[in-house]
Amino acid sequence: MNNRNRRLAELIRHELASILQREMKDPRVSSVSFTAVDVSPDLEHAKVWFTAYAGKPEDALQGLSRASGFLRTELAQRIKMRIVPKLTFQYDASIERGAHLSKLIDDAVEEDRHHQQDDETQD
């Protein structure tokens, strides 16, 4: 992705977050955060990655998909472009996976402490 597309992707992510926070009332998307945007080289399509902190990701995806026309219209009013990309949404499970891995590490460290304490009391 070239520098222009990267700047545009970040601008789209920022504006979508603003629209979501101020303009949308759908409870399915109230806990959504946009993590990344990939813009196609021809600027006609944008894949928007999101995570949902509460509720089901499938519900959030449905809410975002149904609102894609509204979101695109709002983007057109905020970003001065000839073509506003068509938005598609993709759930980003990386944060969820990261939290799971962090919990596994914490559990392993706690288990090691427990075993170390048991070894010390047996000596």
PDB file of N, CA and C in Angstrom:
ATOM      1  N   MET A   1       0.857  -1.175   0.000  1.00  0.00           N
ATOM      2  CA  MET A   1       0.000   0.000   0.000  1.00  0.00           C
ATOM      3  C   MET A   1       0.904   1.240   0.000  1.00  0.00           C
ATOM      4  N   ASN A   2       0.626   2.161  -0.911  1.00  0.00           N
ATOM      5  CA  ASN A   2       1.442   3.365  -0.978  1.00  0.00           C
ATOM      6  C   ASN A   2       1.060   4.340   0.140  1.00  0.00           C
ATOM      7  N   ASN A   3       1.842   5.395   0.244  1.00  0.00           N
ATOM      8  CA  ASN A   3       1.662   6.361   1.329  1.00  0.00           C
ATOM      9  C   ASN A   3       0.290   7.037   1.286  1.00  0.00           C
ATOM     10  N   ARG A   4      -0.165   7.365   0.095  1.00  0.00           N
ATOM     11  CA  ARG A   4      -1.480   8.016  -0.043  1.00  0.00           C
ATOM     12  C   ARG A   4      -2.596   7.096   0.452  1.00  0.00           C
ATOM     13  N   ASN A   5      -2.542   5.831   0.058  1.00  0.00           N
ATOM     14  CA  ASN A   5      -3.559   4.873   0.500  1.00  0.00           C
ATOM     15  C   ASN A   5      -3.513   4.667   2.015  1.00  0.00           C
ATOM     16  N   ARG A   6      -2.296   4.656   2.574  1.00  0.00           N
ATOM     17  CA  ARG A   6      -2.172   4.513   4.028  1.00  0.00           C
ATOM     18  C   ARG A   6      -2.805   5.696   4.761  1.00  0.00           C
ATOM     19  N   ARG A   7      -2.550   6.890   4.276  1.00  0.00           N
ATOM     20  CA  ARG A   7      -3.148   8.081   4.898  1.00  0.00           C
ATOM     21  C   ARG A   7      -4.659   8.058   4.776  1.00  0.00           C
ATOM     22  N   LEU A   8      -5.142   7.675   3.591  1.00  0.00           N
ATOM     23  CA  LEU A   8      -6.588   7.592   3.370  1.00  0.00           C
ATOM     24  C   LEU A   8      -7.203   6.528   4.273  1.00  0.00           C
ATOM     25  N   ALA A   9      -6.556   5.379   4.401  1.00  0.00           N
ATOM     26  CA  ALA A   9      -7.068   4.303   5.262  1.00  0.00           C
ATOM     27  C   ALA A   9      -7.178   4.780   6.701  1.00  0.00           C
ATOM     28  N   GLU A  10      -6.173   5.483   7.178  1.00  0.00           N
ATOM     29  CA  GLU A  10      -6.211   5.983   8.556  1.00  0.00           C
ATOM     30  C   GLU A  10      -7.293   7.048   8.720  1.00  0.00           C
ATOM     31  N   LEU A  11      -7.461   7.902   7.722  1.00  0.00           N
ATOM     32  CA  LEU A  11      -8.513   8.914   7.763  1.00  0.00           C
ATOM     33  C   LEU A  11      -9.897   8.257   7.797  1.00  0.00           C
ATOM     34  N   ILE A  12     -10.092   7.248   6.977  1.00  0.00           N
ATOM     35  CA  ILE A  12     -11.372   6.526   6.961  1.00  0.00           C
ATOM     36  C   ILE A  12     -11.631   5.883   8.313  1.00  0.00           C
ATOM     37  N   ARG A  13     -10.618   5.232   8.883  1.00  0.00           N
ATOM     38  CA  ARG A  13     -10.773   4.601  10.200  1.00  0.00           C
ATOM     39  C   ARG A  13     -11.167   5.628  11.262  1.00  0.00           C
ATOM     40  N   HIS A  14     -10.491   6.756  11.238  1.00  0.00           N
ATOM     41  CA  HIS A  14     -10.780   7.821  12.211  1.00  0.00           C
ATOM     42  C   HIS A  14     -12.198   8.369  12.040  1.00  0.00           C
ATOM     43  N   GLU A  15     -12.580   8.641  10.799  1.00  0.00           N
ATOM     44  CA  GLU A  15     -13.915   9.201  10.542  1.00  0.00           C
ATOM     45  C   GLU A  15     -15.016   8.197  10.855  1.00  0.00           C
ATOM     46  N   LEU A  16     -14.801   6.924  10.527  1.00  0.00           N
ATOM     47  CA  LEU A  16     -15.807   5.902  10.866  1.00  0.00           C
ATOM     48  C   LEU A  16     -16.005   5.811  12.376  1.00  0.00           C
ATOM     49  N   ALA A  17     -14.923   5.883  13.126  1.00  0.00           N
ATOM     50  CA  ALA A  17     -15.032   5.847  14.586  1.00  0.00           C
ATOM     51  C   ALA A  17     -15.838   7.044  15.089  1.00  0.00           C
ATOM     52  N   SER A  18     -15.597   8.184  14.509  1.00  0.00           N
ATOM     53  CA  SER A  18     -16.333   9.387  14.887  1.00  0.00           C
ATOM     54  C   SER A  18     -17.816   9.264  14.544  1.00  0.00           C
ATOM     55  N   ILE A  19     -18.111   8.776  13.353  1.00  0.00           N
ATOM     56  CA  ILE A  19     -19.513   8.589  12.933  1.00  0.00           C
ATOM     57  C   ILE A  19     -20.205   7.594  13.844  1.00  0.00           C
ATOM     58  N   LEU A  20     -19.528   6.504  14.129  1.00  0.00           N
ATOM     59  CA  LEU A  20     -20.099   5.469  14.993  1.00  0.00           C
ATOM     60  C   LEU A  20     -20.432   6.027  16.374  1.00  0.00           C
ATOM     61  N   GLN A  21     -19.543   6.825  16.905  1.00  0.00           N
ATOM     62  CA  GLN A  21     -19.723   7.379  18.241  1.00  0.00           C
ATOM     63  C   GLN A  21     -20.824   8.442  18.287  1.00  0.00           C
ATOM     64  N   ARG A  22     -20.916   9.272  17.260  1.00  0.00           N
ATOM     65  CA  ARG A  22     -21.818  10.424  17.320  1.00  0.00           C
ATOM     66  C   ARG A  22     -23.147  10.251  16.579  1.00  0.00           C
ATOM     67  N   GLU A  23     -23.158   9.432  15.538  1.00  0.00           N
ATOM     68  CA  GLU A  23     -24.317   9.396  14.653  1.00  0.00           C
ATOM     69  C   GLU A  23     -25.156   8.123  14.726  1.00  0.00           C
ATOM     70  N   MET A  24     -24.549   7.016  15.103  1.00  0.00           N
ATOM     71  CA  MET A  24     -25.263   5.737  15.038  1.00  0.00           C
ATOM     72  C   MET A  24     -25.884   5.386  16.379  1.00  0.00           C
ATOM     73  N   LYS A  25     -27.082   4.854  16.313  1.00  0.00           N
ATOM     74  CA  LYS A  25     -27.824   4.503  17.530  1.00  0.00           C
ATOM     75  C   LYS A  25     -28.058   2.996  17.660  1.00  0.00           C
ATOM     76  N   ASP A  26     -27.594   2.209  16.699  1.00  0.00           N
ATOM     77  CA  ASP A  26     -27.806   0.770  16.691  1.00  0.00           C
ATOM     78  C   ASP A  26     -27.045   0.125  17.853  1.00  0.00           C
ATOM     79  N   PRO A  27     -27.729  -0.545  18.774  1.00  0.00           N
ATOM     80  CA  PRO A  27     -27.050  -1.153  19.929  1.00  0.00           C
ATOM     81  C   PRO A  27     -26.088  -2.271  19.541  1.00  0.00           C
ATOM     82  N   ARG A  28     -26.262  -2.856  18.360  1.00  0.00           N
ATOM     83  CA  ARG A  28     -25.360  -3.929  17.928  1.00  0.00           C
ATOM     84  C   ARG A  28     -23.945  -3.428  17.681  1.00  0.00           C
ATOM     85  N   VAL A  29     -23.800  -2.141  17.402  1.00  0.00           N
ATOM     86  CA  VAL A  29     -22.481  -1.600  17.078  1.00  0.00           C
ATOM     87  C   VAL A  29     -21.958  -0.641  18.150  1.00  0.00           C
ATOM     88  N   SER A  30     -22.631  -0.589  19.286  1.00  0.00           N
ATOM     89  CA  SER A  30     -22.233   0.372  20.324  1.00  0.00           C
ATOM     90  C   SER A  30     -20.873   0.051  20.940  1.00  0.00           C
ATOM     91  N   SER A  31     -20.459  -1.200  20.907  1.00  0.00           N
ATOM     92  CA  SER A  31     -19.173  -1.572  21.515  1.00  0.00           C
ATOM     93  C   SER A  31     -18.126  -1.935  20.469  1.00  0.00           C
ATOM     94  N   VAL A  32     -18.285  -1.419  19.258  1.00  0.00           N
ATOM     95  CA  VAL A  32     -17.359  -1.720  18.169  1.00  0.00           C
ATOM     96  C   VAL A  32     -16.225  -0.705  18.142  1.00  0.00           C
ATOM     97  N   SER A  33     -15.044  -1.218  17.862  1.00  0.00           N
ATOM     98  CA  SER A  33     -13.877  -0.367  17.643  1.00  0.00           C
ATOM     99  C   SER A  33     -13.227  -0.791  16.331  1.00  0.00           C
ATOM    100  N   PHE A  34     -12.858   0.175  15.504  1.00  0.00           N
ATOM    101  CA  PHE A  34     -12.232  -0.132  14.230  1.00  0.00           C
ATOM    102  C   PHE A  34     -10.725  -0.248  14.436  1.00  0.00           C
ATOM    103  N   THR A  35     -10.162  -1.366  14.014  1.00  0.00           N
ATOM    104  CA  THR A  35      -8.748  -1.616  14.257  1.00  0.00           C
ATOM    105  C   THR A  35      -7.865  -1.304  13.052  1.00  0.00           C
ATOM    106  N   ALA A  36      -8.396  -1.440  11.847  1.00  0.00           N
ATOM    107  CA  ALA A  36      -7.598  -1.170  10.645  1.00  0.00           C
ATOM    108  C   ALA A  36      -8.514  -1.011   9.447  1.00  0.00           C
ATOM    109  N   VAL A  37      -7.980  -0.386   8.417  1.00  0.00           N
ATOM    110  CA  VAL A  37      -8.682  -0.255   7.140  1.00  0.00           C
ATOM    111  C   VAL A  37      -7.673  -0.538   6.039  1.00  0.00           C
ATOM    112  N   ASP A  38      -8.062  -1.387   5.093  1.00  0.00           N
ATOM    113  CA  ASP A  38      -7.254  -1.656   3.901  1.00  0.00           C
ATOM    114  C   ASP A  38      -8.001  -1.091   2.701  1.00  0.00           C
ATOM    115  N   VAL A  39      -7.359  -0.175   1.988  1.00  0.00           N
ATOM    116  CA  VAL A  39      -7.971   0.457   0.817  1.00  0.00           C
ATOM    117  C   VAL A  39      -7.347  -0.153  -0.437  1.00  0.00           C
ATOM    118  N   SER A  40      -8.193  -0.511  -1.393  1.00  0.00           N
ATOM    119  CA  SER A  40      -7.696  -1.083  -2.651  1.00  0.00           C
ATOM    120  C   SER A  40      -6.905  -0.020  -3.421  1.00  0.00           C
ATOM    121  N   PRO A  41      -6.000  -0.445  -4.290  1.00  0.00           N
ATOM    122  CA  PRO A  41      -5.197   0.518  -5.062  1.00  0.00           C
ATOM    123  C   PRO A  41      -6.032   1.489  -5.899  1.00  0.00           C
ATOM    124  N   ASP A  42      -7.200   1.041  -6.389  1.00  0.00           N
ATOM    125  CA  ASP A  42      -8.042   1.932  -7.191  1.00  0.00           C
ATOM    126  C   ASP A  42      -8.976   2.785  -6.336  1.00  0.00           C
ATOM    127  N   LEU A  43      -8.879   2.652  -5.021  1.00  0.00           N
ATOM    128  CA  LEU A  43      -9.647   3.428  -4.035  1.00  0.00           C
ATOM    129  C   LEU A  43     -11.157   3.164  -4.093  1.00  0.00           C
ATOM    130  N   GLU A  44     -11.573   2.098  -4.743  1.00  0.00           N
ATOM    131  CA  GLU A  44     -13.002   1.814  -4.858  1.00  0.00           C
ATOM    132  C   GLU A  44     -13.533   0.930  -3.738  1.00  0.00           C
ATOM    133  N   HIS A  45     -12.644   0.229  -3.055  1.00  0.00           N
ATOM    134  CA  HIS A  45     -13.072  -0.680  -1.989  1.00  0.00           C
ATOM    135  C   HIS A  45     -12.212  -0.476  -0.749  1.00  0.00           C
ATOM    136  N   ALA A  46     -12.849  -0.612   0.399  1.00  0.00           N
ATOM    137  CA  ALA A  46     -12.120  -0.538   1.659  1.00  0.00           C
ATOM    138  C   ALA A  46     -12.617  -1.662   2.566  1.00  0.00           C
ATOM    139  N   LYS A  47     -11.684  -2.464   3.035  1.00  0.00           N
ATOM    140  CA  LYS A  47     -12.008  -3.506   4.002  1.00  0.00           C
ATOM    141  C   LYS A  47     -11.730  -2.919   5.384  1.00  0.00           C
ATOM    142  N   VAL A  48     -12.765  -2.906   6.213  1.00  0.00           N
ATOM    143  CA  VAL A  48     -12.679  -2.289   7.530  1.00  0.00           C
ATOM    144  C   VAL A  48     -12.663  -3.401   8.578  1.00  0.00           C
ATOM    145  N   TRP A  49     -11.575  -3.484   9.331  1.00  0.00           N
ATOM    146  CA  TRP A  49     -11.425  -4.483  10.383  1.00  0.00           C
ATOM    147  C   TRP A  49     -11.936  -3.892  11.688  1.00  0.00           C
ATOM    148  N   PHE A  50     -12.708  -4.682  12.429  1.00  0.00           N
ATOM    149  CA  PHE A  50     -13.280  -4.195  13.684  1.00  0.00           C
ATOM    150  C   PHE A  50     -13.205  -5.271  14.749  1.00  0.00           C
ATOM    151  N   THR A  51     -13.341  -4.843  15.978  1.00  0.00           N
ATOM    152  CA  THR A  51     -13.481  -5.758  17.100  1.00  0.00           C
ATOM    153  C   THR A  51     -14.679  -5.301  17.919  1.00  0.00           C
ATOM    154  N   ALA A  52     -15.329  -6.248  18.561  1.00  0.00           N
ATOM    155  CA  ALA A  52     -16.498  -5.943  19.387  1.00  0.00           C
ATOM    156  C   ALA A  52     -16.155  -6.297  20.827  1.00  0.00           C
ATOM    157  N   TYR A  53     -16.259  -5.335  21.719  1.00  0.00           N
ATOM    158  CA  TYR A  53     -15.900  -5.557  23.118  1.00  0.00           C
ATOM    159  C   TYR A  53     -17.031  -6.148  23.932  1.00  0.00           C
ATOM    160  N   ALA A  54     -18.227  -6.102  23.430  1.00  0.00           N
ATOM    161  CA  ALA A  54     -19.385  -6.697  24.112  1.00  0.00           C
ATOM    162  C   ALA A  54     -20.330  -7.217  23.044  1.00  0.00           C
ATOM    163  N   GLY A  55     -21.083  -8.218  23.381  1.00  0.00           N
ATOM    164  CA  GLY A  55     -22.018  -8.772  22.416  1.00  0.00           C
ATOM    165  C   GLY A  55     -21.329  -9.718  21.452  1.00  0.00           C
ATOM    166  N   LYS A  56     -22.106 -10.208  20.517  1.00  0.00           N
ATOM    167  CA  LYS A  56     -21.597 -11.167  19.540  1.00  0.00           C
ATOM    168  C   LYS A  56     -21.014 -10.439  18.338  1.00  0.00           C
ATOM    169  N   PRO A  57     -19.844 -10.869  17.877  1.00  0.00           N
ATOM    170  CA  PRO A  57     -19.257 -10.247  16.679  1.00  0.00           C
ATOM    171  C   PRO A  57     -20.172 -10.362  15.459  1.00  0.00           C
ATOM    172  N   GLU A  58     -20.935 -11.462  15.382  1.00  0.00           N
ATOM    173  CA  GLU A  58     -21.838 -11.647  14.237  1.00  0.00           C
ATOM    174  C   GLU A  58     -22.921 -10.562  14.215  1.00  0.00           C
ATOM    175  N   ASP A  59     -23.417 -10.203  15.404  1.00  0.00           N
ATOM    176  CA  ASP A  59     -24.427  -9.136  15.485  1.00  0.00           C
ATOM    177  C   ASP A  59     -23.832  -7.794  15.071  1.00  0.00           C
ATOM    178  N   ALA A  60     -22.605  -7.538  15.531  1.00  0.00           N
ATOM    179  CA  ALA A  60     -21.937  -6.287  15.173  1.00  0.00           C
ATOM    180  C   ALA A  60     -21.700  -6.235  13.665  1.00  0.00           C
ATOM    181  N   LEU A  61     -21.281  -7.360  13.086  1.00  0.00           N
ATOM    182  CA  LEU A  61     -21.059  -7.414  11.644  1.00  0.00           C
ATOM    183  C   LEU A  61     -22.350  -7.141  10.881  1.00  0.00           C
ATOM    184  N   GLN A  62     -23.435  -7.720  11.348  1.00  0.00           N
ATOM    185  CA  GLN A  62     -24.730  -7.488  10.703  1.00  0.00           C
ATOM    186  C   GLN A  62     -25.124  -6.013  10.808  1.00  0.00           C
ATOM    187  N   GLY A  63     -24.938  -5.410  11.982  1.00  0.00           N
ATOM    188  CA  GLY A  63     -25.266  -3.997  12.158  1.00  0.00           C
ATOM    189  C   GLY A  63     -24.426  -3.096  11.275  1.00  0.00           C
ATOM    190  N   LEU A  64     -23.138  -3.381  11.195  1.00  0.00           N
ATOM    191  CA  LEU A  64     -22.258  -2.571  10.347  1.00  0.00           C
ATOM    192  C   LEU A  64     -22.591  -2.749   8.869  1.00  0.00           C
ATOM    193  N   SER A  65     -22.873  -3.984   8.474  1.00  0.00           N
ATOM    194  CA  SER A  65     -23.204  -4.249   7.067  1.00  0.00           C
ATOM    195  C   SER A  65     -24.482  -3.529   6.657  1.00  0.00           C
ATOM    196  N   ARG A  66     -25.464  -3.552   7.543  1.00  0.00           N
ATOM    197  CA  ARG A  66     -26.725  -2.857   7.240  1.00  0.00           C
ATOM    198  C   ARG A  66     -26.540  -1.346   7.183  1.00  0.00           C
ATOM    199  N   ALA A  67     -25.573  -0.841   7.932  1.00  0.00           N
ATOM    200  CA  ALA A  67     -25.340   0.608   7.978  1.00  0.00           C
ATOM    201  C   ALA A  67     -24.282   1.069   6.980  1.00  0.00           C
ATOM    202  N   SER A  68     -23.763   0.170   6.161  1.00  0.00           N
ATOM    203  CA  SER A  68     -22.645   0.540   5.279  1.00  0.00           C
ATOM    204  C   SER A  68     -22.996   1.688   4.329  1.00  0.00           C
ATOM    205  N   GLY A  69     -24.230   1.713   3.817  1.00  0.00           N
ATOM    206  CA  GLY A  69     -24.640   2.817   2.942  1.00  0.00           C
ATOM    207  C   GLY A  69     -24.649   4.141   3.681  1.00  0.00           C
ATOM    208  N   PHE A  70     -25.192   4.145   4.883  1.00  0.00           N
ATOM    209  CA  PHE A  70     -25.203   5.347   5.716  1.00  0.00           C
ATOM    210  C   PHE A  70     -23.772   5.794   6.024  1.00  0.00           C
ATOM    211  N   LEU A  71     -22.921   4.838   6.401  1.00  0.00           N
ATOM    212  CA  LEU A  71     -21.540   5.171   6.738  1.00  0.00           C
ATOM    213  C   LEU A  71     -20.795   5.741   5.528  1.00  0.00           C
ATOM    214  N   ARG A  72     -21.041   5.168   4.374  1.00  0.00           N
ATOM    215  CA  ARG A  72     -20.397   5.657   3.156  1.00  0.00           C
ATOM    216  C   ARG A  72     -20.865   7.069   2.810  1.00  0.00           C
ATOM    217  N   THR A  73     -22.162   7.329   2.978  1.00  0.00           N
ATOM    218  CA  THR A  73     -22.703   8.667   2.729  1.00  0.00           C
ATOM    219  C   THR A  73     -22.086   9.684   3.687  1.00  0.00           C
ATOM    220  N   GLU A  74     -21.994   9.316   4.956  1.00  0.00           N
ATOM    221  CA  GLU A  74     -21.377  10.209   5.946  1.00  0.00           C
ATOM    222  C   GLU A  74     -19.905  10.457   5.618  1.00  0.00           C
ATOM    223  N   LEU A  75     -19.203   9.407   5.196  1.00  0.00           N
ATOM    224  CA  LEU A  75     -17.802   9.588   4.796  1.00  0.00           C
ATOM    225  C   LEU A  75     -17.690  10.559   3.629  1.00  0.00           C
ATOM    226  N   ALA A  76     -18.594  10.440   2.670  1.00  0.00           N
ATOM    227  CA  ALA A  76     -18.566  11.324   1.502  1.00  0.00           C
ATOM    228  C   ALA A  76     -18.711  12.785   1.911  1.00  0.00           C
ATOM    229  N   GLN A  77     -19.479  13.043   2.955  1.00  0.00           N
ATOM    230  CA  GLN A  77     -19.664  14.419   3.415  1.00  0.00           C
ATOM    231  C   GLN A  77     -18.453  14.928   4.184  1.00  0.00           C
ATOM    232  N   ARG A  78     -17.689  14.024   4.772  1.00  0.00           N
ATOM    233  CA  ARG A  78     -16.545  14.427   5.604  1.00  0.00           C
ATOM    234  C   ARG A  78     -15.221  14.409   4.853  1.00  0.00           C
ATOM    235  N   ILE A  79     -15.099  13.518   3.875  1.00  0.00           N
ATOM    236  CA  ILE A  79     -13.848  13.378   3.127  1.00  0.00           C
ATOM    237  C   ILE A  79     -14.097  13.830   1.695  1.00  0.00           C
ATOM    238  N   LYS A  80     -13.329  14.763   1.250  1.00  0.00           N
ATOM    239  CA  LYS A  80     -13.496  15.286  -0.105  1.00  0.00           C
ATOM    240  C   LYS A  80     -12.741  14.392  -1.087  1.00  0.00           C
ATOM    241  N   MET A  81     -13.508  13.500  -1.744  1.00  0.00           N
ATOM    242  CA  MET A  81     -12.936  12.579  -2.724  1.00  0.00           C
ATOM    243  C   MET A  81     -13.901  12.435  -3.890  1.00  0.00           C
ATOM    244  N   ARG A  82     -13.363  12.102  -5.051  1.00  0.00           N
ATOM    245  CA  ARG A  82     -14.238  11.807  -6.185  1.00  0.00           C
ATOM    246  C   ARG A  82     -14.986  10.504  -5.954  1.00  0.00           C
ATOM    247  N   ILE A  83     -14.264   9.523  -5.439  1.00  0.00           N
ATOM    248  CA  ILE A  83     -14.846   8.200  -5.193  1.00  0.00           C
ATOM    249  C   ILE A  83     -14.697   7.881  -3.715  1.00  0.00           C
ATOM    250  N   VAL A  84     -15.799   7.570  -3.064  1.00  0.00           N
ATOM    251  CA  VAL A  84     -15.740   7.094  -1.683  1.00  0.00           C
ATOM    252  C   VAL A  84     -15.787   5.575  -1.750  1.00  0.00           C
ATOM    253  N   PRO A  85     -14.819   4.896  -1.147  1.00  0.00           N
ATOM    254  CA  PRO A  85     -14.754   3.443  -1.272  1.00  0.00           C
ATOM    255  C   PRO A  85     -16.000   2.735  -0.741  1.00  0.00           C
ATOM    256  N   LYS A  86     -16.336   1.616  -1.378  1.00  0.00           N
ATOM    257  CA  LYS A  86     -17.389   0.730  -0.892  1.00  0.00           C
ATOM    258  C   LYS A  86     -16.825   0.012   0.320  1.00  0.00           C
ATOM    259  N   LEU A  87     -17.577   0.010   1.404  1.00  0.00           N
ATOM    260  CA  LEU A  87     -17.089  -0.544   2.667  1.00  0.00           C
ATOM    261  C   LEU A  87     -17.522  -1.999   2.854  1.00  0.00           C
ATOM    262  N   THR A  88     -16.573  -2.830   3.212  1.00  0.00           N
ATOM    263  CA  THR A  88     -16.889  -4.183   3.668  1.00  0.00           C
ATOM    264  C   THR A  88     -16.246  -4.346   5.036  1.00  0.00           C
ATOM    265  N   PHE A  89     -16.896  -5.102   5.891  1.00  0.00           N
ATOM    266  CA  PHE A  89     -16.440  -5.225   7.272  1.00  0.00           C
ATOM    267  C   PHE A  89     -15.979  -6.644   7.555  1.00  0.00           C
ATOM    268  N   GLN A  90     -14.909  -6.732   8.347  1.00  0.00           N
ATOM    269  CA  GLN A  90     -14.320  -8.019   8.701  1.00  0.00           C
ATOM    270  C   GLN A  90     -13.983  -7.996  10.193  1.00  0.00           C
ATOM    271  N   TYR A  91     -14.433  -9.030  10.906  1.00  0.00           N
ATOM    272  CA  TYR A  91     -14.134  -9.110  12.342  1.00  0.00           C
ATOM    273  C   TYR A  91     -12.650  -9.393  12.548  1.00  0.00           C
ATOM    274  N   ASP A  92     -12.028  -8.656  13.441  1.00  0.00           N
ATOM    275  CA  ASP A  92     -10.611  -8.806  13.766  1.00  0.00           C
ATOM    276  C   ASP A  92     -10.501  -9.550  15.097  1.00  0.00           C
ATOM    277  N   ALA A  93     -10.152 -10.810  15.030  1.00  0.00           N
ATOM    278  CA  ALA A  93     -10.078 -11.648  16.240  1.00  0.00           C
ATOM    279  C   ALA A  93      -8.714 -11.558  16.918  1.00  0.00           C
ATOM    280  N   SER A  94      -7.802 -10.751  16.416  1.00  0.00           N
ATOM    281  CA  SER A  94      -6.444 -10.710  16.973  1.00  0.00           C
ATOM    282  C   SER A  94      -6.424 -10.226  18.417  1.00  0.00           C
ATOM    283  N   ILE A  95      -7.270  -9.283  18.772  1.00  0.00           N
ATOM    284  CA  ILE A  95      -7.303  -8.791  20.149  1.00  0.00           C
ATOM    285  C   ILE A  95      -7.819  -9.888  21.076  1.00  0.00           C
ATOM    286  N   GLU A  96      -8.843 -10.599  20.630  1.00  0.00           N
ATOM    287  CA  GLU A  96      -9.380 -11.706  21.410  1.00  0.00           C
ATOM    288  C   GLU A  96      -8.329 -12.801  21.588  1.00  0.00           C
ATOM    289  N   ARG A  97      -7.613 -13.134  20.508  1.00  0.00           N
ATOM    290  CA  ARG A  97      -6.552 -14.149  20.593  1.00  0.00           C
ATOM    291  C   ARG A  97      -5.435 -13.681  21.515  1.00  0.00           C
ATOM    292  N   GLY A  98      -5.081 -12.407  21.435  1.00  0.00           N
ATOM    293  CA  GLY A  98      -4.043 -11.855  22.301  1.00  0.00           C
ATOM    294  C   GLY A  98      -4.419 -11.925  23.766  1.00  0.00           C
ATOM    295  N   ALA A  99      -5.663 -11.621  24.080  1.00  0.00           N
ATOM    296  CA  ALA A  99      -6.132 -11.696  25.465  1.00  0.00           C
ATOM    297  C   ALA A  99      -6.110 -13.141  25.956  1.00  0.00           C
ATOM    298  N   HIS A 100      -6.497 -14.071  25.086  1.00  0.00           N
ATOM    299  CA  HIS A 100      -6.480 -15.489  25.451  1.00  0.00           C
ATOM    300  C   HIS A 100      -5.043 -15.958  25.725  1.00  0.00           C
ATOM    301  N   LEU A 101      -4.108 -15.582  24.860  1.00  0.00           N
ATOM    302  CA  LEU A 101      -2.706 -15.955  25.059  1.00  0.00           C
ATOM    303  C   LEU A 101      -2.154 -15.341  26.342  1.00  0.00           C
ATOM    304  N   SER A 102      -2.509 -14.102  26.608  1.00  0.00           N
ATOM    305  CA  SER A 102      -2.067 -13.440  27.832  1.00  0.00           C
ATOM    306  C   SER A 102      -2.586 -14.175  29.064  1.00  0.00           C
ATOM    307  N   LYS A 103      -3.832 -14.624  29.020  1.00  0.00           N
ATOM    308  CA  LYS A 103      -4.412 -15.380  30.135  1.00  0.00           C
ATOM    309  C   LYS A 103      -3.686 -16.712  30.313  1.00  0.00           C
ATOM    310  N   LEU A 104      -3.380 -17.387  29.203  1.00  0.00           N
ATOM    311  CA  LEU A 104      -2.643 -18.651  29.292  1.00  0.00           C
ATOM    312  C   LEU A 104      -1.274 -18.447  29.936  1.00  0.00           C
ATOM    313  N   ILE A 105      -0.593 -17.385  29.568  1.00  0.00           N
ATOM    314  CA  ILE A 105       0.717 -17.086  30.150  1.00  0.00           C
ATOM    315  C   ILE A 105       0.579 -16.793  31.635  1.00  0.00           C
ATOM    316  N   ASP A 106      -0.402 -15.980  32.002  1.00  0.00           N
ATOM    317  CA  ASP A 106      -0.633 -15.672  33.419  1.00  0.00           C
ATOM    318  C   ASP A 106      -0.932 -16.937  34.215  1.00  0.00           C
ATOM    319  N   ASP A 107      -1.753 -17.833  33.648  1.00  0.00           N
ATOM    320  CA  ASP A 107      -2.082 -19.094  34.320  1.00  0.00           C
ATOM    321  C   ASP A 107      -0.838 -19.958  34.502  1.00  0.00           C
ATOM    322  N   ALA A 108       0.017 -20.010  33.478  1.00  0.00           N
ATOM    323  CA  ALA A 108       1.237 -20.806  33.561  1.00  0.00           C
ATOM    324  C   ALA A 108       2.191 -20.251  34.615  1.00  0.00           C
ATOM    325  N   VAL A 109       2.324 -18.940  34.678  1.00  0.00           N
ATOM    326  CA  VAL A 109       3.184 -18.305  35.682  1.00  0.00           C
ATOM    327  C   VAL A 109       2.647 -18.600  37.080  1.00  0.00           C
ATOM    328  N   GLU A 110       1.346 -18.502  37.261  1.00  0.00           N
ATOM    329  CA  GLU A 110       0.734 -18.783  38.564  1.00  0.00           C
ATOM    330  C   GLU A 110       0.945 -20.241  38.960  1.00  0.00           C
ATOM    331  N   GLU A 111       0.814 -21.140  38.005  1.00  0.00           N
ATOM    332  CA  GLU A 111       1.022 -22.565  38.277  1.00  0.00           C
ATOM    333  C   GLU A 111       2.471 -22.828  38.665  1.00  0.00           C
ATOM    334  N   ASP A 112       3.412 -22.164  37.978  1.00  0.00           N
ATOM    335  CA  ASP A 112       4.833 -22.317  38.341  1.00  0.00           C
ATOM    336  C   ASP A 112       5.085 -21.823  39.757  1.00  0.00           C
ATOM    337  N   ARG A 113       4.493 -20.712  40.138  1.00  0.00           N
ATOM    338  CA  ARG A 113       4.647 -20.199  41.513  1.00  0.00           C
ATOM    339  C   ARG A 113       4.105 -21.196  42.525  1.00  0.00           C
ATOM    340  N   HIS A 114       2.956 -21.772  42.196  1.00  0.00           N
ATOM    341  CA  HIS A 114       2.327 -22.737  43.097  1.00  0.00           C
ATOM    342  C   HIS A 114       3.227 -23.960  43.272  1.00  0.00           C
ATOM    343  N   HIS A 115       3.780 -24.476  42.156  1.00  0.00           N
ATOM    344  CA  HIS A 115       4.675 -25.636  42.233  1.00  0.00           C
ATOM    345  C   HIS A 115       5.956 -25.302  42.977  1.00  0.00           C
ATOM    346  N   GLN A 116       6.449 -24.091  42.789  1.00  0.00           N
ATOM    347  CA  GLN A 116       7.670 -23.673  43.469  1.00  0.00           C
ATOM    348  C   GLN A 116       7.424 -23.612  44.985  1.00  0.00           C
ATOM    349  N   GLN A 117       6.279 -23.106  45.398  1.00  0.00           N
ATOM    350  CA  GLN A 117       5.943 -23.055  46.811  1.00  0.00           C
ATOM    351  C   GLN A 117       5.798 -24.451  47.391  1.00  0.00           C
ATOM    352  N   ASP A 118       5.206 -25.383  46.626  1.00  0.00           N
ATOM    353  CA  ASP A 118       5.052 -26.767  47.077  1.00  0.00           C
ATOM    354  C   ASP A 118       6.416 -27.414  47.254  1.00  0.00           C
ATOM    355  N   ASP A 119       7.354 -27.160  46.319  1.00  0.00           N
ATOM    356  CA  ASP A 119       8.691 -27.728  46.416  1.00  0.00           C
ATOM    357  C   ASP A 119       9.418 -27.202  47.638  1.00  0.00           C
ATOM    358  N   GLU A 120       9.244 -25.919  47.962  1.00  0.00           N
ATOM    359  CA  GLU A 120       9.906 -25.316  49.107  1.00  0.00           C
ATOM    360  C   GLU A 120       9.372 -25.876  50.417  1.00  0.00           C
ATOM    361  N   THR A 121       8.084 -26.158  50.492  1.00  0.00           N
ATOM    362  CA  THR A 121       7.505 -26.690  51.736  1.00  0.00           C
ATOM    363  C   THR A 121       7.870 -28.159  51.927  1.00  0.00           C
ATOM    364  N   GLN A 122       8.204 -28.867  50.863  1.00  0.00           N
ATOM    365  CA  GLN A 122       8.590 -30.265  50.988  1.00  0.00           C
ATOM    366  C   GLN A 122      10.041 -30.411  51.420  1.00  0.00           C
ATOM    367  N   ASP A 123      10.854 -29.391  51.206  1.00  0.00           N
ATOM    368  CA  ASP A 123      12.285 -29.478  51.574  1.00  0.00           C
ATOM    369  C   ASP A 123      12.508 -29.364  53.026  1.00  0.00           C
TER     370      ASP A 123
END
